[in-house]
Amino acid sequence: MTPSVVTKDLTHTFFEQRRRVTQRVDLRKRFIEAAFLNQAKNERDMIQSRIERMTFGCRKAFLASRLQHLEKELASNK
């Protein structure tokens, strides 16, 4: 084999490896993003179900205090 043929084969091999690695990184990134979104959704659903199980008075007081806390947090970030 001549050096140019070996270099061409190596270059082709490197491009193939890079393509496969890029695909794996993209798949891993999409998996991590999907896992994060699923976890956030599950946590929201769990919190919402716990709030819904409260009695009306407790739920109203909790939501009012939560709204007050969020408004205070928004005012401090401005």
PDB file of N, CA and C in Angstrom:
ATOM      1  N   MET A   1       0.839  -1.199   0.000  1.00  0.00           N
ATOM      2  CA  MET A   1       0.000   0.000   0.000  1.00  0.00           C
ATOM      3  C   MET A   1       0.873   1.248   0.000  1.00  0.00           C
ATOM      4  N   THR A   2       0.427   2.199  -0.722  1.00  0.00           N
ATOM      5  CA  THR A   2       1.154   3.457  -0.752  1.00  0.00           C
ATOM      6  C   THR A   2       0.664   4.328   0.401  1.00  0.00           C
ATOM      7  N   PRO A   3       1.488   5.265   0.838  1.00  0.00           N
ATOM      8  CA  PRO A   3       1.087   6.122   1.965  1.00  0.00           C
ATOM      9  C   PRO A   3      -0.197   6.899   1.714  1.00  0.00           C
ATOM     10  N   SER A   4      -0.442   7.301   0.467  1.00  0.00           N
ATOM     11  CA  SER A   4      -1.658   8.073   0.202  1.00  0.00           C
ATOM     12  C   SER A   4      -2.911   7.219   0.377  1.00  0.00           C
ATOM     13  N   VAL A   5      -2.821   5.928   0.039  1.00  0.00           N
ATOM     14  CA  VAL A   5      -3.965   5.027   0.208  1.00  0.00           C
ATOM     15  C   VAL A   5      -4.225   4.804   1.689  1.00  0.00           C
ATOM     16  N   VAL A   6      -3.171   4.622   2.468  1.00  0.00           N
ATOM     17  CA  VAL A   6      -3.317   4.419   3.912  1.00  0.00           C
ATOM     18  C   VAL A   6      -3.923   5.667   4.546  1.00  0.00           C
ATOM     19  N   THR A   7      -3.456   6.837   4.163  1.00  0.00           N
ATOM     20  CA  THR A   7      -3.983   8.089   4.694  1.00  0.00           C
ATOM     21  C   THR A   7      -5.451   8.248   4.331  1.00  0.00           C
ATOM     22  N   LYS A   8      -5.797   7.898   3.101  1.00  0.00           N
ATOM     23  CA  LYS A   8      -7.189   7.999   2.668  1.00  0.00           C
ATOM     24  C   LYS A   8      -8.070   7.070   3.494  1.00  0.00           C
ATOM     25  N   ASP A   9      -7.601   5.841   3.738  1.00  0.00           N
ATOM     26  CA  ASP A   9      -8.368   4.893   4.548  1.00  0.00           C
ATOM     27  C   ASP A   9      -8.522   5.394   5.976  1.00  0.00           C
ATOM     28  N   LEU A  10      -7.441   5.934   6.538  1.00  0.00           N
ATOM     29  CA  LEU A  10      -7.511   6.455   7.905  1.00  0.00           C
ATOM     30  C   LEU A  10      -8.457   7.639   7.995  1.00  0.00           C
ATOM     31  N   THR A  11      -8.397   8.524   7.022  1.00  0.00           N
ATOM     32  CA  THR A  11      -9.276   9.684   7.009  1.00  0.00           C
ATOM     33  C   THR A  11     -10.718   9.242   6.936  1.00  0.00           C
ATOM     34  N   HIS A  12     -10.991   8.278   6.072  1.00  0.00           N
ATOM     35  CA  HIS A  12     -12.352   7.753   5.951  1.00  0.00           C
ATOM     36  C   HIS A  12     -12.796   7.147   7.282  1.00  0.00           C
ATOM     37  N   THR A  13     -11.902   6.389   7.921  1.00  0.00           N
ATOM     38  CA  THR A  13     -12.226   5.773   9.206  1.00  0.00           C
ATOM     39  C   THR A  13     -12.492   6.839  10.259  1.00  0.00           C
ATOM     40  N   PHE A  14     -11.683   7.898  10.300  1.00  0.00           N
ATOM     41  CA  PHE A  14     -11.892   8.960  11.279  1.00  0.00           C
ATOM     42  C   PHE A  14     -13.221   9.670  11.067  1.00  0.00           C
ATOM     43  N   PHE A  15     -13.569   9.919   9.792  1.00  0.00           N
ATOM     44  CA  PHE A  15     -14.850  10.566   9.512  1.00  0.00           C
ATOM     45  C   PHE A  15     -16.014   9.670   9.933  1.00  0.00           C
ATOM     46  N   GLU A  16     -15.895   8.389   9.713  1.00  0.00           N
ATOM     47  CA  GLU A  16     -16.941   7.446  10.138  1.00  0.00           C
ATOM     48  C   GLU A  16     -17.072   7.445  11.655  1.00  0.00           C
ATOM     49  N   GLN A  17     -15.950   7.419  12.347  1.00  0.00           N
ATOM     50  CA  GLN A  17     -15.980   7.436  13.818  1.00  0.00           C
ATOM     51  C   GLN A  17     -16.596   8.732  14.321  1.00  0.00           C
ATOM     52  N   ARG A  18     -16.215   9.841  13.712  1.00  0.00           N
ATOM     53  CA  ARG A  18     -16.758  11.133  14.131  1.00  0.00           C
ATOM     54  C   ARG A  18     -18.271  11.166  13.919  1.00  0.00           C
ATOM     55  N   ARG A  19     -18.732  10.636  12.793  1.00  0.00           N
ATOM     56  CA  ARG A  19     -20.167  10.613  12.506  1.00  0.00           C
ATOM     57  C   ARG A  19     -20.912   9.781  13.551  1.00  0.00           C
ATOM     58  N   ARG A  20     -20.358   8.625  13.896  1.00  0.00           N
ATOM     59  CA  ARG A  20     -21.000   7.774  14.900  1.00  0.00           C
ATOM     60  C   ARG A  20     -21.003   8.430  16.282  1.00  0.00           C
ATOM     61  N   VAL A  21     -19.893   9.044  16.637  1.00  0.00           N
ATOM     62  CA  VAL A  21     -19.804   9.710  17.939  1.00  0.00           C
ATOM     63  C   VAL A  21     -20.792  10.864  18.000  1.00  0.00           C
ATOM     64  N   THR A  22     -20.899  11.618  16.911  1.00  0.00           N
ATOM     65  CA  THR A  22     -21.836  12.743  16.868  1.00  0.00           C
ATOM     66  C   THR A  22     -23.264  12.256  17.038  1.00  0.00           C
ATOM     67  N   GLN A  23     -23.598  11.162  16.388  1.00  0.00           N
ATOM     68  CA  GLN A  23     -24.938  10.601  16.540  1.00  0.00           C
ATOM     69  C   GLN A  23     -25.187  10.185  17.982  1.00  0.00           C
ATOM     70  N   ARG A  24     -24.200   9.563  18.599  1.00  0.00           N
ATOM     71  CA  ARG A  24     -24.353   9.122  19.992  1.00  0.00           C
ATOM     72  C   ARG A  24     -24.538  10.317  20.929  1.00  0.00           C
ATOM     73  N   VAL A  25     -23.775  11.376  20.698  1.00  0.00           N
ATOM     74  CA  VAL A  25     -23.884  12.563  21.541  1.00  0.00           C
ATOM     75  C   VAL A  25     -25.267  13.184  21.382  1.00  0.00           C
ATOM     76  N   ASP A  26     -25.758  13.248  20.147  1.00  0.00           N
ATOM     77  CA  ASP A  26     -27.096  13.798  19.913  1.00  0.00           C
ATOM     78  C   ASP A  26     -28.162  12.957  20.600  1.00  0.00           C
ATOM     79  N   LEU A  27     -28.038  11.634  20.483  1.00  0.00           N
ATOM     80  CA  LEU A  27     -29.005  10.753  21.144  1.00  0.00           C
ATOM     81  C   LEU A  27     -28.962  10.911  22.651  1.00  0.00           C
ATOM     82  N   ARG A  28     -27.755  11.001  23.202  1.00  0.00           N
ATOM     83  CA  ARG A  28     -27.601  11.160  24.641  1.00  0.00           C
ATOM     84  C   ARG A  28     -28.193  12.489  25.105  1.00  0.00           C
ATOM     85  N   LYS A  29     -27.954  13.545  24.321  1.00  0.00           N
ATOM     86  CA  LYS A  29     -28.487  14.866  24.665  1.00  0.00           C
ATOM     87  C   LYS A  29     -30.012  14.840  24.656  1.00  0.00           C
ATOM     88  N   ARG A  30     -30.602  14.232  23.612  1.00  0.00           N
ATOM     89  CA  ARG A  30     -32.062  14.147  23.552  1.00  0.00           C
ATOM     90  C   ARG A  30     -32.622  13.315  24.702  1.00  0.00           C
ATOM     91  N   PHE A  31     -31.926  12.230  25.067  1.00  0.00           N
ATOM     92  CA  PHE A  31     -32.370  11.394  26.181  1.00  0.00           C
ATOM     93  C   PHE A  31     -32.352  12.175  27.486  1.00  0.00           C
ATOM     94  N   ILE A  32     -31.281  12.922  27.722  1.00  0.00           N
ATOM     95  CA  ILE A  32     -31.167  13.697  28.955  1.00  0.00           C
ATOM     96  C   ILE A  32     -32.241  14.774  29.020  1.00  0.00           C
ATOM     97  N   GLU A  33     -32.475  15.458  27.900  1.00  0.00           N
ATOM     98  CA  GLU A  33     -33.524  16.489  27.866  1.00  0.00           C
ATOM     99  C   GLU A  33     -34.899  15.880  28.121  1.00  0.00           C
ATOM    100  N   ALA A  34     -35.173  14.738  27.497  1.00  0.00           N
ATOM    101  CA  ALA A  34     -36.469  14.076  27.687  1.00  0.00           C
ATOM    102  C   ALA A  34     -36.626  13.608  29.131  1.00  0.00           C
ATOM    103  N   ALA A  35     -35.560  13.076  29.711  1.00  0.00           N
ATOM    104  CA  ALA A  35     -35.618  12.613  31.093  1.00  0.00           C
ATOM    105  C   ALA A  35     -35.881  13.777  32.041  1.00  0.00           C
ATOM    106  N   PHE A  36     -35.227  14.912  31.790  1.00  0.00           N
ATOM    107  CA  PHE A  36     -35.432  16.094  32.629  1.00  0.00           C
ATOM    108  C   PHE A  36     -36.874  16.573  32.541  1.00  0.00           C
ATOM    109  N   LEU A  37     -37.405  16.652  31.307  1.00  0.00           N
ATOM    110  CA  LEU A  37     -38.779  17.113  31.131  1.00  0.00           C
ATOM    111  C   LEU A  37     -39.778  16.149  31.783  1.00  0.00           C
ATOM    112  N   ASN A  38     -39.530  14.856  31.665  1.00  0.00           N
ATOM    113  CA  ASN A  38     -40.415  13.874  32.304  1.00  0.00           C
ATOM    114  C   ASN A  38     -40.370  13.998  33.820  1.00  0.00           C
ATOM    115  N   GLN A  39     -39.180  14.198  34.373  1.00  0.00           N
ATOM    116  CA  GLN A  39     -39.051  14.345  35.819  1.00  0.00           C
ATOM    117  C   GLN A  39     -39.780  15.595  36.290  1.00  0.00           C
ATOM    118  N   ALA A  40     -39.624  16.702  35.585  1.00  0.00           N
ATOM    119  CA  ALA A  40     -40.301  17.943  35.963  1.00  0.00           C
ATOM    120  C   ALA A  40     -41.816  17.770  35.893  1.00  0.00           C
ATOM    121  N   LYS A  41     -42.298  17.099  34.846  1.00  0.00           N
ATOM    122  CA  LYS A  41     -43.734  16.867  34.699  1.00  0.00           C
ATOM    123  C   LYS A  41     -44.255  15.988  35.834  1.00  0.00           C
ATOM    124  N   ASN A  42     -43.517  14.933  36.164  1.00  0.00           N
ATOM    125  CA  ASN A  42     -43.941  14.052  37.253  1.00  0.00           C
ATOM    126  C   ASN A  42     -43.977  14.776  38.594  1.00  0.00           C
ATOM    127  N   GLU A  43     -43.000  15.646  38.835  1.00  0.00           N
ATOM    128  CA  GLU A  43     -42.989  16.408  40.078  1.00  0.00           C
ATOM    129  C   GLU A  43     -44.162  17.381  40.134  1.00  0.00           C
ATOM    130  N   ARG A  44     -44.453  18.045  39.004  1.00  0.00           N
ATOM    131  CA  ARG A  44     -45.613  18.953  38.962  1.00  0.00           C
ATOM    132  C   ARG A  44     -46.906  18.193  39.232  1.00  0.00           C
ATOM    133  N   ASP A  45     -47.041  17.024  38.606  1.00  0.00           N
ATOM    134  CA  ASP A  45     -48.257  16.225  38.803  1.00  0.00           C
ATOM    135  C   ASP A  45     -48.391  15.772  40.252  1.00  0.00           C
ATOM    136  N   MET A  46     -47.273  15.388  40.875  1.00  0.00           N
ATOM    137  CA  MET A  46     -47.306  14.944  42.264  1.00  0.00           C
ATOM    138  C   MET A  46     -47.727  16.100  43.181  1.00  0.00           C
ATOM    139  N   ILE A  47     -47.142  17.276  42.955  1.00  0.00           N
ATOM    140  CA  ILE A  47     -47.488  18.437  43.781  1.00  0.00           C
ATOM    141  C   ILE A  47     -48.948  18.812  43.576  1.00  0.00           C
ATOM    142  N   GLN A  48     -49.394  18.801  42.334  1.00  0.00           N
ATOM    143  CA  GLN A  48     -50.778  19.145  42.043  1.00  0.00           C
ATOM    144  C   GLN A  48     -51.745  18.159  42.694  1.00  0.00           C
ATOM    145  N   SER A  49     -51.426  16.876  42.673  1.00  0.00           N
ATOM    146  CA  SER A  49     -52.319  15.897  43.286  1.00  0.00           C
ATOM    147  C   SER A  49     -52.365  16.067  44.802  1.00  0.00           C
ATOM    148  N   ARG A  50     -51.233  16.428  45.401  1.00  0.00           N
ATOM    149  CA  ARG A  50     -51.240  16.659  46.853  1.00  0.00           C
ATOM    150  C   ARG A  50     -52.055  17.896  47.212  1.00  0.00           C
ATOM    151  N   ILE A  51     -51.960  18.938  46.385  1.00  0.00           N
ATOM    152  CA  ILE A  51     -52.757  20.141  46.630  1.00  0.00           C
ATOM    153  C   ILE A  51     -54.233  19.829  46.476  1.00  0.00           C
ATOM    154  N   GLU A  52     -54.576  19.039  45.459  1.00  0.00           N
ATOM    155  CA  GLU A  52     -55.979  18.706  45.224  1.00  0.00           C
ATOM    156  C   GLU A  52     -56.570  17.856  46.347  1.00  0.00           C
ATOM    157  N   ARG A  53     -55.735  17.090  47.045  1.00  0.00           N
ATOM    158  CA  ARG A  53     -56.232  16.250  48.148  1.00  0.00           C
ATOM    159  C   ARG A  53     -56.494  17.040  49.427  1.00  0.00           C
ATOM    160  N   MET A  54     -56.010  18.287  49.488  1.00  0.00           N
ATOM    161  CA  MET A  54     -56.231  19.111  50.677  1.00  0.00           C
ATOM    162  C   MET A  54     -57.698  19.535  50.754  1.00  0.00           C
ATOM    163  N   THR A  55     -58.117  19.845  51.953  1.00  0.00           N
ATOM    164  CA  THR A  55     -59.472  20.385  52.098  1.00  0.00           C
ATOM    165  C   THR A  55     -59.501  21.779  51.495  1.00  0.00           C
ATOM    166  N   PHE A  56     -60.699  22.271  51.229  1.00  0.00           N
ATOM    167  CA  PHE A  56     -60.833  23.545  50.522  1.00  0.00           C
ATOM    168  C   PHE A  56     -60.134  24.679  51.268  1.00  0.00           C
ATOM    169  N   GLY A  57     -60.327  24.781  52.572  1.00  0.00           N
ATOM    170  CA  GLY A  57     -59.731  25.879  53.352  1.00  0.00           C
ATOM    171  C   GLY A  57     -58.215  25.820  53.345  1.00  0.00           C
ATOM    172  N   CYS A  58     -57.676  24.625  53.535  1.00  0.00           N
ATOM    173  CA  CYS A  58     -56.211  24.463  53.512  1.00  0.00           C
ATOM    174  C   CYS A  58     -55.648  24.781  52.132  1.00  0.00           C
ATOM    175  N   ARG A  59     -56.334  24.322  51.101  1.00  0.00           N
ATOM    176  CA  ARG A  59     -55.883  24.566  49.735  1.00  0.00           C
ATOM    177  C   ARG A  59     -55.877  26.058  49.441  1.00  0.00           C
ATOM    178  N   LYS A  60     -56.944  26.760  49.845  1.00  0.00           N
ATOM    179  CA  LYS A  60     -57.046  28.197  49.596  1.00  0.00           C
ATOM    180  C   LYS A  60     -55.934  28.942  50.325  1.00  0.00           C
ATOM    181  N   ALA A  61     -55.675  28.582  51.577  1.00  0.00           N
ATOM    182  CA  ALA A  61     -54.622  29.238  52.358  1.00  0.00           C
ATOM    183  C   ALA A  61     -53.246  28.948  51.758  1.00  0.00           C
ATOM    184  N   PHE A  62     -53.030  27.694  51.360  1.00  0.00           N
ATOM    185  CA  PHE A  62     -51.739  27.323  50.771  1.00  0.00           C
ATOM    186  C   PHE A  62     -51.482  28.086  49.483  1.00  0.00           C
ATOM    187  N   LEU A  63     -52.480  28.111  48.606  1.00  0.00           N
ATOM    188  CA  LEU A  63     -52.310  28.797  47.326  1.00  0.00           C
ATOM    189  C   LEU A  63     -52.135  30.301  47.502  1.00  0.00           C
ATOM    190  N   ALA A  64     -52.833  30.888  48.458  1.00  0.00           N
ATOM    191  CA  ALA A  64     -52.675  32.322  48.722  1.00  0.00           C
ATOM    192  C   ALA A  64     -51.261  32.622  49.225  1.00  0.00           C
ATOM    193  N   SER A  65     -50.748  31.781  50.129  1.00  0.00           N
ATOM    194  CA  SER A  65     -49.393  32.016  50.634  1.00  0.00           C
ATOM    195  C   SER A  65     -48.353  31.785  49.535  1.00  0.00           C
ATOM    196  N   ARG A  66     -48.613  30.818  48.685  1.00  0.00           N
ATOM    197  CA  ARG A  66     -47.698  30.548  47.576  1.00  0.00           C
ATOM    198  C   ARG A  66     -47.677  31.724  46.591  1.00  0.00           C
ATOM    199  N   LEU A  67     -48.850  32.271  46.298  1.00  0.00           N
ATOM    200  CA  LEU A  67     -48.933  33.435  45.415  1.00  0.00           C
ATOM    201  C   LEU A  67     -48.198  34.624  46.018  1.00  0.00           C
ATOM    202  N   GLN A  68     -48.375  34.836  47.312  1.00  0.00           N
ATOM    203  CA  GLN A  68     -47.689  35.942  47.985  1.00  0.00           C
ATOM    204  C   GLN A  68     -46.170  35.746  47.915  1.00  0.00           C
ATOM    205  N   HIS A  69     -45.719  34.519  48.134  1.00  0.00           N
ATOM    206  CA  HIS A  69     -44.290  34.218  48.078  1.00  0.00           C
ATOM    207  C   HIS A  69     -43.735  34.472  46.671  1.00  0.00           C
ATOM    208  N   LEU A  70     -44.463  34.040  45.636  1.00  0.00           N
ATOM    209  CA  LEU A  70     -44.017  34.245  44.257  1.00  0.00           C
ATOM    210  C   LEU A  70     -43.984  35.718  43.885  1.00  0.00           C
ATOM    211  N   GLU A  71     -44.992  36.486  44.327  1.00  0.00           N
ATOM    212  CA  GLU A  71     -45.000  37.917  44.045  1.00  0.00           C
ATOM    213  C   GLU A  71     -43.824  38.624  44.705  1.00  0.00           C
ATOM    214  N   LYS A  72     -43.516  38.211  45.938  1.00  0.00           N
ATOM    215  CA  LYS A  72     -42.381  38.790  46.648  1.00  0.00           C
ATOM    216  C   LYS A  72     -41.081  38.444  45.927  1.00  0.00           C
ATOM    217  N   GLU A  73     -40.974  37.224  45.453  1.00  0.00           N
ATOM    218  CA  GLU A  73     -39.771  36.789  44.736  1.00  0.00           C
ATOM    219  C   GLU A  73     -39.613  37.546  43.423  1.00  0.00           C
ATOM    220  N   LEU A  74     -40.723  37.758  42.705  1.00  0.00           N
ATOM    221  CA  LEU A  74     -40.663  38.516  41.462  1.00  0.00           C
ATOM    222  C   LEU A  74     -40.274  39.970  41.720  1.00  0.00           C
ATOM    223  N   ALA A  75     -40.802  40.566  42.794  1.00  0.00           N
ATOM    224  CA  ALA A  75     -40.497  41.963  43.113  1.00  0.00           C
ATOM    225  C   ALA A  75     -39.009  42.118  43.477  1.00  0.00           C
ATOM    226  N   SER A  76     -38.433  41.129  44.144  1.00  0.00           N
ATOM    227  CA  SER A  76     -37.036  41.229  44.542  1.00  0.00           C
ATOM    228  C   SER A  76     -36.087  41.016  43.355  1.00  0.00           C
ATOM    229  N   ASN A  77     -36.559  40.334  42.306  1.00  0.00           N
ATOM    230  CA  ASN A  77     -35.709  40.097  41.119  1.00  0.00           C
ATOM    231  C   ASN A  77     -35.681  41.274  40.172  1.00  0.00           C
ATOM    232  N   LYS A  78     -36.585  42.226  40.327  1.00  0.00           N
ATOM    233  CA  LYS A  78     -36.625  43.383  39.424  1.00  0.00           C
ATOM    234  C   LYS A  78     -35.548  44.367  39.733  1.00  0.00           C
TER     235      LYS A  78
END
